[in-house]
PDB file of N, CA and C in Angstrom:
ATOM      1  N   MET A   1       0.840  -1.178   0.000  1.00  0.00           N
ATOM      2  CA  MET A   1       0.000   0.000   0.000  1.00  0.00           C
ATOM      3  C   MET A   1       0.887   1.244   0.000  1.00  0.00           C
ATOM      4  N   ARG A   2       0.558   2.192  -0.807  1.00  0.00           N
ATOM      5  CA  ARG A   2       1.335   3.422  -0.904  1.00  0.00           C
ATOM      6  C   ARG A   2       0.860   4.437   0.113  1.00  0.00           C
ATOM      7  N   SER A   3       1.813   5.224   0.583  1.00  0.00           N
ATOM      8  CA  SER A   3       1.499   6.278   1.540  1.00  0.00           C
ATOM      9  C   SER A   3       0.851   7.457   0.812  1.00  0.00           C
ATOM     10  N   LEU A   4      -0.053   8.124   1.499  1.00  0.00           N
ATOM     11  CA  LEU A   4      -0.674   9.320   0.936  1.00  0.00           C
ATOM     12  C   LEU A   4       0.194  10.551   1.153  1.00  0.00           C
ATOM     13  N   ASP A   5       1.196  10.423   2.008  1.00  0.00           N
ATOM     14  CA  ASP A   5       2.084  11.540   2.316  1.00  0.00           C
ATOM     15  C   ASP A   5       3.148  11.653   1.220  1.00  0.00           C
ATOM     16  N   PRO A   6       3.154  12.752   0.460  1.00  0.00           N
ATOM     17  CA  PRO A   6       4.147  12.885  -0.611  1.00  0.00           C
ATOM     18  C   PRO A   6       5.581  12.886  -0.084  1.00  0.00           C
ATOM     19  N   ARG A   7       5.765  13.269   1.179  1.00  0.00           N
ATOM     20  CA  ARG A   7       7.118  13.254   1.743  1.00  0.00           C
ATOM     21  C   ARG A   7       7.606  11.824   1.900  1.00  0.00           C
ATOM     22  N   HIS A   8       6.705  10.916   2.230  1.00  0.00           N
ATOM     23  CA  HIS A   8       7.074   9.509   2.350  1.00  0.00           C
ATOM     24  C   HIS A   8       7.487   8.955   0.985  1.00  0.00           C
ATOM     25  N   THR A   9       6.723   9.297  -0.036  1.00  0.00           N
ATOM     26  CA  THR A   9       7.043   8.856  -1.395  1.00  0.00           C
ATOM     27  C   THR A   9       8.399   9.405  -1.827  1.00  0.00           C
ATOM     28  N   TRP A  10       8.643  10.672  -1.559  1.00  0.00           N
ATOM     29  CA  TRP A  10       9.916  11.292  -1.922  1.00  0.00           C
ATOM     30  C   TRP A  10      11.068  10.638  -1.164  1.00  0.00           C
ATOM     31  N   ALA A  11      10.900  10.425   0.137  1.00  0.00           N
ATOM     32  CA  ALA A  11      11.955   9.839   0.955  1.00  0.00           C
ATOM     33  C   ALA A  11      12.267   8.417   0.512  1.00  0.00           C
ATOM     34  N   THR A  12      11.245   7.662   0.155  1.00  0.00           N
ATOM     35  CA  THR A  12      11.453   6.297  -0.328  1.00  0.00           C
ATOM     36  C   THR A  12      12.244   6.313  -1.630  1.00  0.00           C
ATOM     37  N   GLY A  13      11.887   7.211  -2.522  1.00  0.00           N
ATOM     38  CA  GLY A  13      12.623   7.338  -3.788  1.00  0.00           C
ATOM     39  C   GLY A  13      14.070   7.736  -3.570  1.00  0.00           C
ATOM     40  N   LEU A  14      14.307   8.651  -2.637  1.00  0.00           N
ATOM     41  CA  LEU A  14      15.675   9.072  -2.328  1.00  0.00           C
ATOM     42  C   LEU A  14      16.486   7.901  -1.779  1.00  0.00           C
ATOM     43  N   ALA A  15      15.900   7.153  -0.852  1.00  0.00           N
ATOM     44  CA  ALA A  15      16.601   6.013  -0.264  1.00  0.00           C
ATOM     45  C   ALA A  15      16.951   4.977  -1.321  1.00  0.00           C
ATOM     46  N   ARG A  16      16.033   4.715  -2.228  1.00  0.00           N
ATOM     47  CA  ARG A  16      16.303   3.751  -3.310  1.00  0.00           C
ATOM     48  C   ARG A  16      17.403   4.251  -4.236  1.00  0.00           C
ATOM     49  N   THR A  17      17.378   5.530  -4.551  1.00  0.00           N
ATOM     50  CA  THR A  17      18.401   6.101  -5.418  1.00  0.00           C
ATOM     51  C   THR A  17      19.782   6.019  -4.773  1.00  0.00           C
ATOM     52  N   ILE A  18      19.865   6.373  -3.506  1.00  0.00           N
ATOM     53  CA  ILE A  18      21.147   6.318  -2.794  1.00  0.00           C
ATOM     54  C   ILE A  18      21.659   4.887  -2.738  1.00  0.00           C
ATOM     55  N   ALA A  19      20.780   3.941  -2.414  1.00  0.00           N
ATOM     56  CA  ALA A  19      21.185   2.528  -2.345  1.00  0.00           C
ATOM     57  C   ALA A  19      21.694   2.036  -3.693  1.00  0.00           C
ATOM     58  N   GLU A  20      21.012   2.399  -4.762  1.00  0.00           N
ATOM     59  CA  GLU A  20      21.427   1.981  -6.104  1.00  0.00           C
ATOM     60  C   GLU A  20      22.784   2.579  -6.473  1.00  0.00           C
ATOM     61  N   GLU A  21      22.962   3.849  -6.171  1.00  0.00           N
ATOM     62  CA  GLU A  21      24.241   4.499  -6.492  1.00  0.00           C
ATOM     63  C   GLU A  21      25.389   3.889  -5.696  1.00  0.00           C
ATOM     64  N   LEU A  22      25.146   3.574  -4.424  1.00  0.00           N
ATOM     65  CA  LEU A  22      26.195   2.951  -3.617  1.00  0.00           C
ATOM     66  C   LEU A  22      26.547   1.564  -4.154  1.00  0.00           C
ATOM     67  N   ARG A  23      25.532   0.774  -4.501  1.00  0.00           N
ATOM     68  CA  ARG A  23      25.792  -0.557  -5.083  1.00  0.00           C
ATOM     69  C   ARG A  23      26.569  -0.434  -6.381  1.00  0.00           C
ATOM     70  N   ASP A  24      26.196   0.519  -7.229  1.00  0.00           N
ATOM     71  CA  ASP A  24      26.900   0.722  -8.495  1.00  0.00           C
ATOM     72  C   ASP A  24      28.341   1.156  -8.257  1.00  0.00           C
ATOM     73  N   GLY A  25      28.550   2.008  -7.261  1.00  0.00           N
ATOM     74  CA  GLY A  25      29.900   2.459  -6.938  1.00  0.00           C
ATOM     75  C   GLY A  25      30.786   1.323  -6.482  1.00  0.00           C
ATOM     76  N   VAL A  26      30.232   0.438  -5.665  1.00  0.00           N
ATOM     77  CA  VAL A  26      30.998  -0.718  -5.198  1.00  0.00           C
ATOM     78  C   VAL A  26      31.252  -1.673  -6.360  1.00  0.00           C
ATOM     79  N   ALA A  27      30.225  -1.929  -7.167  1.00  0.00           N
ATOM     80  CA  ALA A  27      30.362  -2.853  -8.297  1.00  0.00           C
ATOM     81  C   ALA A  27      31.405  -2.378  -9.296  1.00  0.00           C
ATOM     82  N   SER A  28      31.514  -1.067  -9.481  1.00  0.00           N
ATOM     83  CA  SER A  28      32.478  -0.522 -10.441  1.00  0.00           C
ATOM     84  C   SER A  28      33.880  -0.395  -9.850  1.00  0.00           C
ATOM     85  N   GLY A  29      33.982  -0.573  -8.549  1.00  0.00           N
ATOM     86  CA  GLY A  29      35.282  -0.437  -7.902  1.00  0.00           C
ATOM     87  C   GLY A  29      35.621   0.987  -7.499  1.00  0.00           C
ATOM     88  N   ALA A  30      34.668   1.906  -7.664  1.00  0.00           N
ATOM     89  CA  ALA A  30      34.923   3.304  -7.308  1.00  0.00           C
ATOM     90  C   ALA A  30      35.052   3.483  -5.800  1.00  0.00           C
ATOM     91  N   VAL A  31      34.303   2.672  -5.045  1.00  0.00           N
ATOM     92  CA  VAL A  31      34.364   2.706  -3.580  1.00  0.00           C
ATOM     93  C   VAL A  31      34.287   1.277  -3.053  1.00  0.00           C
ATOM     94  N   THR A  32      34.770   1.092  -1.840  1.00  0.00           N
ATOM     95  CA  THR A  32      34.647  -0.202  -1.177  1.00  0.00           C
ATOM     96  C   THR A  32      33.350  -0.210  -0.375  1.00  0.00           C
ATOM     97  N   TRP A  33      32.961  -1.397   0.129  1.00  0.00           N
ATOM     98  CA  TRP A  33      31.775  -1.452   0.977  1.00  0.00           C
ATOM     99  C   TRP A  33      31.974  -0.618   2.235  1.00  0.00           C
ATOM    100  N   GLY A  34      33.175  -0.604   2.771  1.00  0.00           N
ATOM    101  CA  GLY A  34      33.461   0.210   3.947  1.00  0.00           C
ATOM    102  C   GLY A  34      33.301   1.693   3.670  1.00  0.00           C
ATOM    103  N   GLU A  35      33.802   2.133   2.515  1.00  0.00           N
ATOM    104  CA  GLU A  35      33.650   3.540   2.133  1.00  0.00           C
ATOM    105  C   GLU A  35      32.180   3.880   1.872  1.00  0.00           C
ATOM    106  N   ALA A  36      31.460   2.958   1.250  1.00  0.00           N
ATOM    107  CA  ALA A  36      30.037   3.177   0.987  1.00  0.00           C
ATOM    108  C   ALA A  36      29.271   3.305   2.300  1.00  0.00           C
ATOM    109  N   ASP A  37      29.627   2.474   3.267  1.00  0.00           N
ATOM    110  CA  ASP A  37      28.977   2.531   4.572  1.00  0.00           C
ATOM    111  C   ASP A  37      29.266   3.863   5.267  1.00  0.00           C
ATOM    112  N   GLU A  38      30.509   4.313   5.188  1.00  0.00           N
ATOM    113  CA  GLU A  38      30.882   5.598   5.791  1.00  0.00           C
ATOM    114  C   GLU A  38      30.147   6.752   5.098  1.00  0.00           C
ATOM    115  N   LEU A  39      30.066   6.706   3.781  1.00  0.00           N
ATOM    116  CA  LEU A  39      29.332   7.734   3.033  1.00  0.00           C
ATOM    117  C   LEU A  39      27.869   7.753   3.445  1.00  0.00           C
ATOM    118  N   LEU A  40      27.272   6.582   3.583  1.00  0.00           N
ATOM    119  CA  LEU A  40      25.878   6.501   3.998  1.00  0.00           C
ATOM    120  C   LEU A  40      25.680   7.094   5.390  1.00  0.00           C
ATOM    121  N   ASN A  41      26.587   6.809   6.303  1.00  0.00           N
ATOM    122  CA  ASN A  41      26.491   7.386   7.650  1.00  0.00           C
ATOM    123  C   ASN A  41      26.584   8.907   7.617  1.00  0.00           C
ATOM    124  N   ARG A  42      27.466   9.429   6.777  1.00  0.00           N
ATOM    125  CA  ARG A  42      27.602  10.889   6.674  1.00  0.00           C
ATOM    126  C   ARG A  42      26.370  11.521   6.024  1.00  0.00           C
ATOM    127  N   LEU A  43      25.844  10.856   5.004  1.00  0.00           N
ATOM    128  CA  LEU A  43      24.628  11.355   4.361  1.00  0.00           C
ATOM    129  C   LEU A  43      23.456  11.361   5.337  1.00  0.00           C
ATOM    130  N   ARG A  44      23.367  10.341   6.160  1.00  0.00           N
ATOM    131  CA  ARG A  44      22.307  10.247   7.157  1.00  0.00           C
ATOM    132  C   ARG A  44      22.346  11.462   8.081  1.00  0.00           C
ATOM    133  N   THR A  45      23.552  11.833   8.505  1.00  0.00           N
ATOM    134  CA  THR A  45      23.708  12.983   9.393  1.00  0.00           C
ATOM    135  C   THR A  45      23.271  14.272   8.704  1.00  0.00           C
ATOM    136  N   VAL A  46      23.712  14.475   7.479  1.00  0.00           N
ATOM    137  CA  VAL A  46      23.370  15.694   6.736  1.00  0.00           C
ATOM    138  C   VAL A  46      21.861  15.768   6.494  1.00  0.00           C
ATOM    139  N   ILE A  47      21.266  14.645   6.099  1.00  0.00           N
ATOM    140  CA  ILE A  47      19.826  14.637   5.826  1.00  0.00           C
ATOM    141  C   ILE A  47      19.040  14.882   7.098  1.00  0.00           C
ATOM    142  N   ASP A  48      19.441  14.249   8.195  1.00  0.00           N
ATOM    143  CA  ASP A  48      18.759  14.476   9.475  1.00  0.00           C
ATOM    144  C   ASP A  48      18.786  15.950   9.866  1.00  0.00           C
ATOM    145  N   GLN A  49      19.899  16.620   9.629  1.00  0.00           N
ATOM    146  CA  GLN A  49      20.016  18.034   9.976  1.00  0.00           C
ATOM    147  C   GLN A  49      19.188  18.915   9.052  1.00  0.00           C
ATOM    148  N   ALA A  50      18.989  18.477   7.812  1.00  0.00           N
ATOM    149  CA  ALA A  50      18.305  19.302   6.824  1.00  0.00           C
ATOM    150  C   ALA A  50      16.789  19.162   6.860  1.00  0.00           C
ATOM    151  N   LEU A  51      16.294  18.046   7.370  1.00  0.00           N
ATOM    152  CA  LEU A  51      14.857  17.790   7.313  1.00  0.00           C
ATOM    153  C   LEU A  51      14.092  18.507   8.405  1.00  0.00           C
ATOM    154  N   ASP A  52      12.927  18.968   8.033  1.00  0.00           N
ATOM    155  CA  ASP A  52      11.982  19.519   8.986  1.00  0.00           C
ATOM    156  C   ASP A  52      11.134  18.357   9.489  1.00  0.00           C
ATOM    157  N   VAL A  53      11.143  18.127  10.788  1.00  0.00           N
ATOM    158  CA  VAL A  53      10.434  16.972  11.342  1.00  0.00           C
ATOM    159  C   VAL A  53       9.002  17.297  11.780  1.00  0.00           C
ATOM    160  N   THR A  54       8.504  18.444  11.367  1.00  0.00           N
ATOM    161  CA  THR A  54       7.130  18.810  11.678  1.00  0.00           C
ATOM    162  C   THR A  54       6.185  17.866  10.939  1.00  0.00           C
ATOM    163  N   PRO A  55       5.256  17.246  11.652  1.00  0.00           N
ATOM    164  CA  PRO A  55       4.314  16.332  10.983  1.00  0.00           C
ATOM    165  C   PRO A  55       3.494  17.039   9.911  1.00  0.00           C
ATOM    166  N   ALA A  56       3.198  16.323   8.866  1.00  0.00           N
ATOM    167  CA  ALA A  56       2.370  16.878   7.790  1.00  0.00           C
ATOM    168  C   ALA A  56       0.928  16.958   8.267  1.00  0.00           C
ATOM    169  N   PRO A  57       0.211  17.994   7.833  1.00  0.00           N
ATOM    170  CA  PRO A  57      -1.211  18.083   8.207  1.00  0.00           C
ATOM    171  C   PRO A  57      -1.987  16.959   7.532  1.00  0.00           C
ATOM    172  N   LEU A  58      -3.002  16.489   8.205  1.00  0.00           N
ATOM    173  CA  LEU A  58      -3.831  15.407   7.650  1.00  0.00           C
ATOM    174  C   LEU A  58      -4.887  15.919   6.735  1.00  0.00           C
TER     175      LEU A  58
END
């Protein structure tokens, strides 16, 4: 079932895009799994700081 909240849809798409890019980077040899994990941790921090956590109106 899809969420009615467009922010949920956007966040899901972003997570899928990041995961795909990290897998592609590892597969191509551009980064190691360790580097990909570190990049993901840093991205998590930046995204957490950038997001407004105010609930969406119903």
